[in-house]
Amino acid sequence: MTYPHLKDIPVKERPRKLMPAYSKEYFREGYLWTFLVGLLLIVANGTFAGVVHKSWWVLLWITISSAGYLGLFVDLCSGRTSSSVGTYFRETEPVRYWIDCVIQALFILAFCGAVWVV
């Protein structure tokens, strides 16, 4: 689902609800390897922290970080980001699109760093 009709609607008039962008095409060939390498880094970070801290809470951090990474990955592949704030496209609203992507990336990094604090 790419929702191409949303590009023609001004930002203020677009529905303010989450528009899913998941598609099987993002998990084929080159994209799949990119996704798996990023996911492997998150899982390796959490696993290593779990071994060092001997804590089972690490599974929660791995799950939350992985879900955040999946959302960011799909946003980058689709060129569209959607949240309760609005839906933005890379081509038509690049500043808002990249701000949303940076916020997601900071969320992931915060959770990957929080696993070392607990």
Foldseek 3Di string as FASTA:
>chain_A
DLPPVVVVDDFVPADLAFDDQDDCVCCDDPNVVVLVVVLVVLVVLLVVLCVVVVDPCSVVLSVVLNVLSVQLSSCVVSQWHHDSVTIDGCVPDVVVSVVVSVVSVVVNVVSSVVSNVD
